[in-house]
Amino acid sequence: MASLRKASAYSKRKVTPFTRVSKKRQKSYIKVVPHQKIVKFTMGKDSLYKEGKIPFTLDVISTEKAQIRHNALEACRQFINKKLDKELNGQYLFRIVPFPHHIQRENKMLTGAGADRMQTGMQLSFGKSVGKSAIVKPGTTIFFVALPNEKAVSFARKVFKQVKSKLPCKIKILAQEPPKK
């Protein structure tokens, strides 16, 4: 059964962002661009944040260079949004900041009996597109959350610690309190 490669196959390599697809199909190396798995980038109530009713903010920041796959971001989004919505009843704003532009490729190799007659090895080994990823550098914000009070901030910190294992890079959680009057 075909499955995804481990994230370590892609995540910490020196990478040039590859996003170009030619308008003329014959000239394009990448024939098909994989669809976006992230359904929503902004959840919660944006209007409350603009009005200043949810003043506490948390930023999840990458501390190293990595590629974060779109399915990893979607898995994190679903988990975080579900927990925050259940606990805070919609009184929050949650955003995914990076957009996955980079197209990941794989030169699929066959194994087993008779495979040597079917494949060309590394000849013309550009590979087929298998997914998308966002390239993040150290200090890049991955997730942004605005919350109504300090109790919600401590809850969100716990949720982000649970999500840490789904991301291929080390993260740091930065909190900002509203200015005191």
N, C-alpha and C. Protein backbone atom coordinates (compact mmCIF):
# COMPACT_ATOMS: atom_id res chain seq x y z
N MET A 1 0.84 -1.18 0.00
CA MET A 1 0.00 0.00 0.00
C MET A 1 0.88 1.25 0.00
N ALA A 2 0.61 2.16 -0.86
CA ALA A 2 1.40 3.40 -0.95
C ALA A 2 1.02 4.33 0.19
N SER A 3 2.02 4.93 0.80
CA SER A 3 1.76 5.86 1.89
C SER A 3 2.73 7.03 1.79
N LEU A 4 2.53 8.01 2.67
CA LEU A 4 3.40 9.18 2.68
C LEU A 4 4.78 8.81 3.21
N ARG A 5 5.78 9.47 2.69
CA ARG A 5 7.12 9.31 3.25
C ARG A 5 7.17 10.01 4.59
N LYS A 6 8.14 9.62 5.41
CA LYS A 6 8.33 10.31 6.68
C LYS A 6 8.70 11.76 6.42
N ALA A 7 8.33 12.63 7.33
CA ALA A 7 8.64 14.06 7.18
C ALA A 7 10.14 14.30 7.14
N SER A 8 10.92 13.42 7.78
CA SER A 8 12.37 13.61 7.79
C SER A 8 12.98 13.45 6.40
N ALA A 9 12.22 12.85 5.47
CA ALA A 9 12.71 12.74 4.10
C ALA A 9 12.77 14.11 3.43
N TYR A 10 12.00 15.06 3.94
CA TYR A 10 11.94 16.39 3.36
C TYR A 10 12.37 17.51 4.31
N SER A 11 12.10 17.37 5.58
CA SER A 11 11.97 18.54 6.45
C SER A 11 13.22 19.38 6.66
N LYS A 12 14.38 18.81 6.89
CA LYS A 12 15.50 19.65 7.29
C LYS A 12 16.56 19.79 6.21
N ARG A 13 16.19 19.64 4.98
CA ARG A 13 17.15 19.77 3.89
C ARG A 13 17.22 21.20 3.39
N LYS A 14 18.35 21.53 2.80
CA LYS A 14 18.46 22.82 2.14
C LYS A 14 17.58 22.75 0.90
N VAL A 15 16.63 23.64 0.80
CA VAL A 15 15.63 23.51 -0.25
C VAL A 15 15.41 24.84 -0.95
N THR A 16 15.22 24.76 -2.24
CA THR A 16 14.83 25.92 -3.02
C THR A 16 13.33 25.83 -3.24
N PRO A 17 12.59 26.86 -2.92
CA PRO A 17 11.14 26.76 -3.09
C PRO A 17 10.77 26.53 -4.55
N PHE A 18 10.02 25.50 -4.81
CA PHE A 18 9.63 25.18 -6.17
C PHE A 18 8.13 25.37 -6.29
N THR A 19 7.71 26.42 -6.98
CA THR A 19 6.29 26.72 -7.10
C THR A 19 5.86 26.90 -8.54
N ARG A 20 6.81 26.96 -9.48
CA ARG A 20 6.48 27.31 -10.86
C ARG A 20 5.84 26.16 -11.62
N VAL A 21 4.74 26.48 -12.26
CA VAL A 21 4.10 25.55 -13.17
C VAL A 21 3.85 26.32 -14.46
N SER A 22 4.28 25.79 -15.59
CA SER A 22 4.12 26.49 -16.85
C SER A 22 2.67 26.48 -17.30
N LYS A 23 2.25 27.55 -17.98
CA LYS A 23 0.89 27.61 -18.49
C LYS A 23 0.70 26.64 -19.66
N LYS A 24 1.79 26.35 -20.36
CA LYS A 24 1.74 25.38 -21.45
C LYS A 24 2.09 24.02 -20.88
N ARG A 25 1.16 23.09 -20.95
CA ARG A 25 1.31 21.80 -20.30
C ARG A 25 2.53 21.03 -20.80
N GLN A 26 2.85 21.15 -22.06
CA GLN A 26 3.98 20.40 -22.62
C GLN A 26 5.32 20.89 -22.05
N LYS A 27 5.40 22.17 -21.69
CA LYS A 27 6.65 22.72 -21.19
C LYS A 27 6.79 22.59 -19.67
N SER A 28 5.76 22.15 -19.01
CA SER A 28 5.76 22.07 -17.57
C SER A 28 6.30 20.72 -17.09
N TYR A 29 7.28 20.74 -16.21
CA TYR A 29 7.75 19.51 -15.60
C TYR A 29 6.67 18.94 -14.69
N ILE A 30 6.06 19.82 -13.90
CA ILE A 30 5.00 19.39 -13.01
C ILE A 30 3.69 19.49 -13.76
N LYS A 31 3.08 18.35 -14.00
CA LYS A 31 1.84 18.33 -14.78
C LYS A 31 0.63 18.65 -13.91
N VAL A 32 0.64 18.19 -12.68
CA VAL A 32 -0.51 18.36 -11.79
C VAL A 32 -0.04 18.95 -10.47
N VAL A 33 -0.67 20.02 -10.04
CA VAL A 33 -0.37 20.60 -8.73
C VAL A 33 -1.33 19.97 -7.72
N PRO A 34 -0.81 19.39 -6.63
CA PRO A 34 -1.69 18.77 -5.64
C PRO A 34 -2.64 19.80 -5.04
N HIS A 35 -3.85 19.37 -4.70
CA HIS A 35 -4.82 20.31 -4.12
C HIS A 35 -4.43 20.65 -2.69
N GLN A 36 -4.97 21.76 -2.22
CA GLN A 36 -4.67 22.28 -0.89
C GLN A 36 -5.49 21.51 0.16
N LYS A 37 -4.82 20.94 1.16
CA LYS A 37 -5.54 20.18 2.18
C LYS A 37 -6.04 21.06 3.31
N ILE A 38 -5.47 22.24 3.46
CA ILE A 38 -5.93 23.13 4.54
C ILE A 38 -7.23 23.76 4.10
N VAL A 39 -8.29 23.52 4.88
CA VAL A 39 -9.63 23.97 4.51
C VAL A 39 -9.83 25.44 4.85
N LYS A 40 -9.42 25.86 6.06
CA LYS A 40 -9.58 27.23 6.51
C LYS A 40 -8.27 27.72 7.10
N PHE A 41 -7.99 29.00 6.91
CA PHE A 41 -6.79 29.58 7.52
C PHE A 41 -7.13 30.45 8.72
N THR A 42 -8.38 30.92 8.82
CA THR A 42 -8.81 31.75 9.94
C THR A 42 -10.07 31.14 10.56
N MET A 43 -10.03 30.89 11.88
CA MET A 43 -11.18 30.34 12.59
C MET A 43 -11.48 31.19 13.81
N GLY A 44 -12.68 31.08 14.32
CA GLY A 44 -13.09 31.88 15.46
C GLY A 44 -13.75 33.16 14.99
N LYS A 45 -13.72 34.17 15.85
CA LYS A 45 -14.39 35.43 15.54
C LYS A 45 -13.38 36.55 15.35
N ASP A 46 -13.19 36.92 14.09
CA ASP A 46 -12.26 37.99 13.73
C ASP A 46 -12.76 39.35 14.23
N SER A 47 -14.08 39.51 14.28
CA SER A 47 -14.67 40.79 14.69
C SER A 47 -14.35 41.12 16.16
N LEU A 48 -14.29 40.08 17.02
CA LEU A 48 -13.95 40.32 18.43
C LEU A 48 -12.52 40.82 18.58
N TYR A 49 -11.63 40.30 17.74
CA TYR A 49 -10.23 40.72 17.80
C TYR A 49 -10.09 42.17 17.33
N LYS A 50 -10.80 42.52 16.28
CA LYS A 50 -10.73 43.89 15.76
C LYS A 50 -11.31 44.90 16.75
N GLU A 51 -12.33 44.49 17.50
CA GLU A 51 -12.93 45.37 18.51
C GLU A 51 -12.11 45.44 19.78
N GLY A 52 -11.15 44.55 19.97
CA GLY A 52 -10.29 44.57 21.15
C GLY A 52 -10.86 43.79 22.32
N LYS A 53 -11.83 42.91 22.09
CA LYS A 53 -12.45 42.16 23.18
C LYS A 53 -11.67 40.89 23.53
N ILE A 54 -10.78 40.47 22.66
CA ILE A 54 -9.91 39.32 22.97
C ILE A 54 -8.45 39.79 22.84
N PRO A 55 -7.94 40.44 23.92
CA PRO A 55 -6.65 41.13 23.82
C PRO A 55 -5.40 40.27 24.02
N PHE A 56 -5.52 39.10 24.64
CA PHE A 56 -4.34 38.27 24.89
C PHE A 56 -3.99 37.49 23.63
N THR A 57 -2.72 37.49 23.25
CA THR A 57 -2.32 36.79 22.04
C THR A 57 -1.19 35.80 22.31
N LEU A 58 -1.22 34.71 21.55
CA LEU A 58 -0.16 33.70 21.58
C LEU A 58 0.32 33.49 20.17
N ASP A 59 1.64 33.42 19.99
CA ASP A 59 2.25 33.12 18.70
C ASP A 59 3.07 31.84 18.85
N VAL A 60 2.87 30.90 17.95
CA VAL A 60 3.71 29.71 17.90
C VAL A 60 4.74 29.97 16.83
N ILE A 61 6.02 29.96 17.23
CA ILE A 61 7.11 30.37 16.35
C ILE A 61 8.08 29.21 16.14
N SER A 62 8.52 29.04 14.91
CA SER A 62 9.52 28.01 14.59
C SER A 62 10.89 28.49 15.05
N THR A 63 11.67 27.58 15.63
CA THR A 63 13.03 27.95 16.06
C THR A 63 14.10 27.40 15.13
N GLU A 64 13.67 26.69 14.06
CA GLU A 64 14.63 26.17 13.09
C GLU A 64 14.00 26.13 11.70
N LYS A 65 14.86 26.00 10.70
CA LYS A 65 14.39 25.96 9.31
C LYS A 65 13.79 24.59 9.03
N ALA A 66 12.62 24.58 8.41
CA ALA A 66 11.97 23.30 8.12
C ALA A 66 10.92 23.47 7.03
N GLN A 67 10.47 22.33 6.51
CA GLN A 67 9.32 22.30 5.61
C GLN A 67 8.17 21.66 6.38
N ILE A 68 7.05 22.36 6.45
CA ILE A 68 5.88 21.81 7.14
C ILE A 68 4.85 21.45 6.08
N ARG A 69 4.51 20.17 6.00
CA ARG A 69 3.56 19.71 5.01
C ARG A 69 2.16 20.25 5.27
N HIS A 70 1.39 20.36 4.19
CA HIS A 70 0.03 20.88 4.34
C HIS A 70 -0.85 19.92 5.13
N ASN A 71 -0.61 18.62 5.07
CA ASN A 71 -1.44 17.72 5.86
C ASN A 71 -1.08 17.78 7.35
N ALA A 72 0.16 18.12 7.69
CA ALA A 72 0.53 18.32 9.10
C ALA A 72 -0.13 19.59 9.64
N LEU A 73 -0.13 20.65 8.84
CA LEU A 73 -0.80 21.89 9.26
C LEU A 73 -2.29 21.67 9.43
N GLU A 74 -2.90 20.89 8.55
CA GLU A 74 -4.34 20.61 8.64
C GLU A 74 -4.66 19.77 9.87
N ALA A 75 -3.81 18.80 10.19
CA ALA A 75 -4.02 17.99 11.38
C ALA A 75 -3.94 18.84 12.65
N CYS A 76 -2.96 19.74 12.69
CA CYS A 76 -2.83 20.66 13.82
C CYS A 76 -4.03 21.59 13.91
N ARG A 77 -4.47 22.10 12.76
CA ARG A 77 -5.61 23.01 12.72
C ARG A 77 -6.86 22.36 13.28
N GLN A 78 -7.14 21.14 12.87
CA GLN A 78 -8.34 20.45 13.34
C GLN A 78 -8.29 20.22 14.84
N PHE A 79 -7.14 19.78 15.35
CA PHE A 79 -7.01 19.49 16.77
C PHE A 79 -7.14 20.77 17.61
N ILE A 80 -6.41 21.81 17.24
CA ILE A 80 -6.42 23.06 18.01
C ILE A 80 -7.80 23.70 17.97
N ASN A 81 -8.39 23.77 16.78
CA ASN A 81 -9.69 24.43 16.64
C ASN A 81 -10.77 23.70 17.44
N LYS A 82 -10.73 22.37 17.43
CA LYS A 82 -11.72 21.59 18.18
C LYS A 82 -11.61 21.85 19.67
N LYS A 83 -10.37 21.83 20.18
CA LYS A 83 -10.16 22.05 21.63
C LYS A 83 -10.55 23.47 22.04
N LEU A 84 -10.13 24.47 21.25
CA LEU A 84 -10.43 25.86 21.60
C LEU A 84 -11.94 26.13 21.52
N ASP A 85 -12.59 25.60 20.50
CA ASP A 85 -14.02 25.84 20.34
C ASP A 85 -14.81 25.21 21.48
N LYS A 86 -14.41 24.01 21.90
CA LYS A 86 -15.10 23.33 22.99
C LYS A 86 -14.91 24.07 24.31
N GLU A 87 -13.71 24.57 24.55
CA GLU A 87 -13.41 25.23 25.83
C GLU A 87 -13.89 26.68 25.89
N LEU A 88 -13.76 27.42 24.78
CA LEU A 88 -14.00 28.87 24.81
C LEU A 88 -15.30 29.31 24.12
N ASN A 89 -16.06 28.39 23.60
CA ASN A 89 -17.36 28.69 22.96
C ASN A 89 -17.26 29.76 21.88
N GLY A 90 -16.25 29.69 21.05
CA GLY A 90 -16.13 30.62 19.93
C GLY A 90 -15.56 31.99 20.28
N GLN A 91 -15.13 32.22 21.51
CA GLN A 91 -14.58 33.51 21.92
C GLN A 91 -13.06 33.53 21.74
N TYR A 92 -12.62 33.33 20.51
CA TYR A 92 -11.19 33.30 20.20
C TYR A 92 -11.00 33.58 18.72
N LEU A 93 -9.75 33.81 18.34
CA LEU A 93 -9.37 33.92 16.93
C LEU A 93 -8.14 33.05 16.74
N PHE A 94 -8.19 32.18 15.74
CA PHE A 94 -7.08 31.26 15.47
C PHE A 94 -6.74 31.35 14.00
N ARG A 95 -5.44 31.58 13.70
CA ARG A 95 -4.99 31.70 12.31
C ARG A 95 -3.80 30.78 12.05
N ILE A 96 -3.78 30.22 10.84
CA ILE A 96 -2.60 29.53 10.34
C ILE A 96 -1.88 30.55 9.45
N VAL A 97 -0.65 30.87 9.77
CA VAL A 97 0.04 31.95 9.07
C VAL A 97 0.73 31.51 7.77
N PRO A 98 1.56 30.45 7.76
CA PRO A 98 2.25 30.14 6.49
C PRO A 98 1.32 29.48 5.49
N PHE A 99 1.54 29.78 4.21
CA PHE A 99 0.75 29.16 3.15
C PHE A 99 1.65 28.18 2.41
N PRO A 100 1.22 26.92 2.26
CA PRO A 100 2.06 25.92 1.58
C PRO A 100 2.11 26.13 0.07
N HIS A 101 3.20 26.72 -0.42
CA HIS A 101 3.39 26.94 -1.85
C HIS A 101 4.30 25.90 -2.47
N HIS A 102 5.28 25.43 -1.70
CA HIS A 102 6.34 24.57 -2.24
C HIS A 102 5.77 23.20 -2.62
N ILE A 103 6.03 22.77 -3.86
CA ILE A 103 5.54 21.49 -4.35
C ILE A 103 6.62 20.43 -4.11
N GLN A 104 6.27 19.40 -3.35
CA GLN A 104 7.22 18.33 -3.06
C GLN A 104 7.11 17.25 -4.13
N ARG A 105 8.28 16.72 -4.50
CA ARG A 105 8.31 15.72 -5.56
C ARG A 105 8.96 14.43 -5.03
N GLU A 106 8.60 13.33 -5.70
CA GLU A 106 9.19 12.05 -5.33
C GLU A 106 9.42 11.23 -6.58
N ASN A 107 10.62 10.67 -6.71
CA ASN A 107 10.93 9.74 -7.79
C ASN A 107 10.62 8.35 -7.27
N LYS A 108 9.44 7.85 -7.59
CA LYS A 108 9.00 6.57 -7.03
C LYS A 108 9.81 5.43 -7.63
N MET A 109 10.31 4.58 -6.77
CA MET A 109 11.11 3.43 -7.19
C MET A 109 10.34 2.16 -6.88
N LEU A 110 10.37 1.23 -7.81
CA LEU A 110 9.70 -0.05 -7.61
C LEU A 110 10.68 -1.03 -6.99
N THR A 111 10.16 -1.90 -6.15
CA THR A 111 10.99 -2.93 -5.55
C THR A 111 10.33 -4.29 -5.79
N GLY A 112 11.09 -5.33 -5.67
CA GLY A 112 10.55 -6.67 -5.85
C GLY A 112 10.98 -7.29 -7.16
N ALA A 113 10.44 -8.46 -7.43
CA ALA A 113 10.83 -9.22 -8.63
C ALA A 113 10.31 -8.54 -9.88
N GLY A 114 11.15 -8.40 -10.89
CA GLY A 114 10.73 -7.83 -12.16
C GLY A 114 10.72 -6.32 -12.21
N ALA A 115 11.06 -5.66 -11.10
CA ALA A 115 11.02 -4.20 -11.06
C ALA A 115 12.12 -3.58 -11.90
N ASP A 116 13.23 -4.30 -12.10
CA ASP A 116 14.36 -3.73 -12.83
C ASP A 116 14.05 -3.48 -14.31
N ARG A 117 13.06 -4.17 -14.84
CA ARG A 117 12.72 -3.97 -16.25
C ARG A 117 11.71 -2.84 -16.46
N MET A 118 11.11 -2.33 -15.38
CA MET A 118 10.03 -1.35 -15.53
C MET A 118 10.46 0.08 -15.25
N GLN A 119 11.50 0.29 -14.51
CA GLN A 119 11.85 1.65 -14.12
C GLN A 119 13.16 2.10 -14.75
N THR A 120 13.36 3.42 -14.78
CA THR A 120 14.55 3.98 -15.43
C THR A 120 15.60 4.42 -14.42
N GLY A 121 15.39 4.18 -13.14
CA GLY A 121 16.37 4.57 -12.13
C GLY A 121 16.43 6.07 -11.97
N MET A 122 17.64 6.63 -12.00
CA MET A 122 17.80 8.07 -11.79
C MET A 122 17.83 8.84 -13.11
N GLN A 123 17.59 8.18 -14.21
CA GLN A 123 17.54 8.87 -15.50
C GLN A 123 16.24 9.69 -15.55
N LEU A 124 16.34 10.98 -15.87
CA LEU A 124 15.17 11.90 -15.88
C LEU A 124 14.39 11.85 -14.58
N SER A 125 15.10 11.97 -13.47
CA SER A 125 14.47 11.71 -12.16
C SER A 125 13.93 12.97 -11.48
N PHE A 126 13.20 13.79 -12.21
CA PHE A 126 12.63 14.99 -11.61
C PHE A 126 11.57 14.64 -10.56
N GLY A 127 10.84 13.59 -10.78
CA GLY A 127 9.85 13.13 -9.82
C GLY A 127 8.47 13.69 -10.07
N LYS A 128 7.48 13.03 -9.49
CA LYS A 128 6.09 13.48 -9.60
C LYS A 128 5.70 14.18 -8.32
N SER A 129 4.76 15.11 -8.43
CA SER A 129 4.36 15.87 -7.25
C SER A 129 3.54 14.98 -6.32
N VAL A 130 3.89 15.04 -5.04
CA VAL A 130 3.19 14.22 -4.04
C VAL A 130 2.52 15.07 -2.97
N GLY A 131 2.85 16.34 -2.88
CA GLY A 131 2.23 17.17 -1.86
C GLY A 131 2.78 18.58 -1.89
N LYS A 132 2.29 19.39 -0.96
CA LYS A 132 2.75 20.77 -0.82
C LYS A 132 3.29 20.97 0.58
N SER A 133 4.16 21.96 0.71
CA SER A 133 4.66 22.29 2.04
C SER A 133 4.95 23.78 2.14
N ALA A 134 5.00 24.25 3.37
CA ALA A 134 5.36 25.63 3.65
C ALA A 134 6.79 25.62 4.17
N ILE A 135 7.64 26.45 3.61
CA ILE A 135 9.02 26.54 4.07
C ILE A 135 9.08 27.63 5.14
N VAL A 136 9.48 27.24 6.35
CA VAL A 136 9.57 28.20 7.45
C VAL A 136 11.02 28.36 7.86
N LYS A 137 11.36 29.58 8.22
CA LYS A 137 12.70 29.90 8.70
C LYS A 137 12.63 30.13 10.21
N PRO A 138 13.76 30.17 10.88
CA PRO A 138 13.72 30.45 12.32
C PRO A 138 13.08 31.82 12.58
N GLY A 139 12.17 31.86 13.53
CA GLY A 139 11.48 33.10 13.87
C GLY A 139 10.17 33.31 13.11
N THR A 140 9.80 32.38 12.24
CA THR A 140 8.55 32.51 11.48
C THR A 140 7.37 32.07 12.34
N THR A 141 6.31 32.86 12.34
CA THR A 141 5.10 32.50 13.07
C THR A 141 4.33 31.43 12.30
N ILE A 142 3.97 30.36 13.00
CA ILE A 142 3.20 29.27 12.39
C ILE A 142 1.72 29.43 12.71
N PHE A 143 1.40 29.60 13.99
CA PHE A 143 0.02 29.78 14.43
C PHE A 143 -0.10 31.06 15.24
N PHE A 144 -1.26 31.72 15.13
CA PHE A 144 -1.57 32.92 15.91
C PHE A 144 -2.92 32.70 16.57
N VAL A 145 -3.00 32.97 17.89
CA VAL A 145 -4.26 32.84 18.61
C VAL A 145 -4.49 34.07 19.46
N ALA A 146 -5.71 34.62 19.40
CA ALA A 146 -6.11 35.72 20.29
C ALA A 146 -7.16 35.18 21.25
N LEU A 147 -7.00 35.49 22.54
CA LEU A 147 -7.84 34.90 23.58
C LEU A 147 -8.38 35.96 24.54
N PRO A 148 -9.48 35.66 25.24
CA PRO A 148 -10.10 36.68 26.09
C PRO A 148 -9.46 36.89 27.46
N ASN A 149 -8.86 35.85 28.07
CA ASN A 149 -8.33 36.02 29.43
C ASN A 149 -7.12 35.12 29.67
N GLU A 150 -6.53 35.24 30.86
CA GLU A 150 -5.30 34.50 31.18
C GLU A 150 -5.55 33.01 31.34
N LYS A 151 -6.74 32.65 31.81
CA LYS A 151 -7.09 31.23 31.95
C LYS A 151 -7.10 30.56 30.57
N ALA A 152 -7.63 31.25 29.59
CA ALA A 152 -7.66 30.74 28.22
C ALA A 152 -6.25 30.63 27.64
N VAL A 153 -5.37 31.56 28.02
CA VAL A 153 -3.98 31.53 27.55
C VAL A 153 -3.28 30.27 28.07
N SER A 154 -3.47 29.96 29.34
CA SER A 154 -2.83 28.75 29.89
C SER A 154 -3.40 27.48 29.25
N PHE A 155 -4.71 27.48 28.94
CA PHE A 155 -5.31 26.33 28.26
C PHE A 155 -4.72 26.18 26.85
N ALA A 156 -4.59 27.29 26.14
CA ALA A 156 -4.06 27.25 24.77
C ALA A 156 -2.60 26.78 24.76
N ARG A 157 -1.83 27.17 25.77
CA ARG A 157 -0.45 26.70 25.88
C ARG A 157 -0.39 25.17 25.97
N LYS A 158 -1.31 24.60 26.78
CA LYS A 158 -1.36 23.14 26.92
C LYS A 158 -1.71 22.48 25.59
N VAL A 159 -2.65 23.09 24.86
CA VAL A 159 -3.05 22.54 23.56
C VAL A 159 -1.88 22.58 22.58
N PHE A 160 -1.12 23.67 22.57
CA PHE A 160 0.02 23.77 21.66
C PHE A 160 1.12 22.77 22.02
N LYS A 161 1.26 22.47 23.31
CA LYS A 161 2.25 21.47 23.70
C LYS A 161 1.84 20.08 23.22
N GLN A 162 0.53 19.83 23.16
CA GLN A 162 0.05 18.54 22.65
C GLN A 162 0.28 18.43 21.14
N VAL A 163 0.21 19.55 20.44
CA VAL A 163 0.34 19.57 18.98
C VAL A 163 1.81 19.53 18.54
N LYS A 164 2.71 19.81 19.44
CA LYS A 164 4.13 19.92 19.11
C LYS A 164 4.68 18.71 18.35
N SER A 165 4.18 17.53 18.67
CA SER A 165 4.70 16.31 18.03
C SER A 165 4.26 16.18 16.58
N LYS A 166 3.24 16.90 16.15
CA LYS A 166 2.78 16.82 14.76
C LYS A 166 3.62 17.70 13.82
N LEU A 167 4.43 18.59 14.37
CA LEU A 167 5.23 19.50 13.56
C LEU A 167 6.67 19.00 13.43
N PRO A 168 7.30 19.20 12.27
CA PRO A 168 8.65 18.68 12.06
C PRO A 168 9.76 19.57 12.61
N CYS A 169 9.41 20.67 13.25
CA CYS A 169 10.44 21.59 13.76
C CYS A 169 10.18 21.88 15.24
N LYS A 170 11.20 22.39 15.90
CA LYS A 170 11.03 22.81 17.28
C LYS A 170 10.30 24.14 17.29
N ILE A 171 9.42 24.31 18.29
CA ILE A 171 8.63 25.53 18.35
C ILE A 171 8.82 26.23 19.69
N LYS A 172 8.44 27.51 19.68
CA LYS A 172 8.50 28.34 20.88
C LYS A 172 7.16 29.08 20.95
N ILE A 173 6.58 29.18 22.13
CA ILE A 173 5.28 29.84 22.30
C ILE A 173 5.53 31.19 22.95
N LEU A 174 5.15 32.27 22.26
CA LEU A 174 5.30 33.62 22.80
C LEU A 174 3.94 34.21 23.14
N ALA A 175 3.82 34.75 24.34
CA ALA A 175 2.56 35.37 24.76
C ALA A 175 2.72 36.87 24.85
N GLN A 176 1.66 37.58 24.48
CA GLN A 176 1.62 39.03 24.64
C GLN A 176 0.37 39.41 25.42
N GLU A 177 0.59 40.19 26.46
CA GLU A 177 -0.54 40.65 27.25
C GLU A 177 -0.96 42.02 26.74
N PRO A 178 -2.22 42.37 26.99
CA PRO A 178 -2.67 43.70 26.53
C PRO A 178 -2.01 44.80 27.38
N PRO A 179 -1.85 45.99 26.82
CA PRO A 179 -1.27 47.08 27.61
C PRO A 179 -2.18 47.45 28.78
N LYS A 180 -1.56 47.66 29.94
CA LYS A 180 -2.34 47.99 31.15
C LYS A 180 -2.74 49.45 31.11
N LYS A 181 -3.96 49.71 31.56
CA LYS A 181 -4.48 51.09 31.54
C LYS A 181 -4.24 51.79 32.85
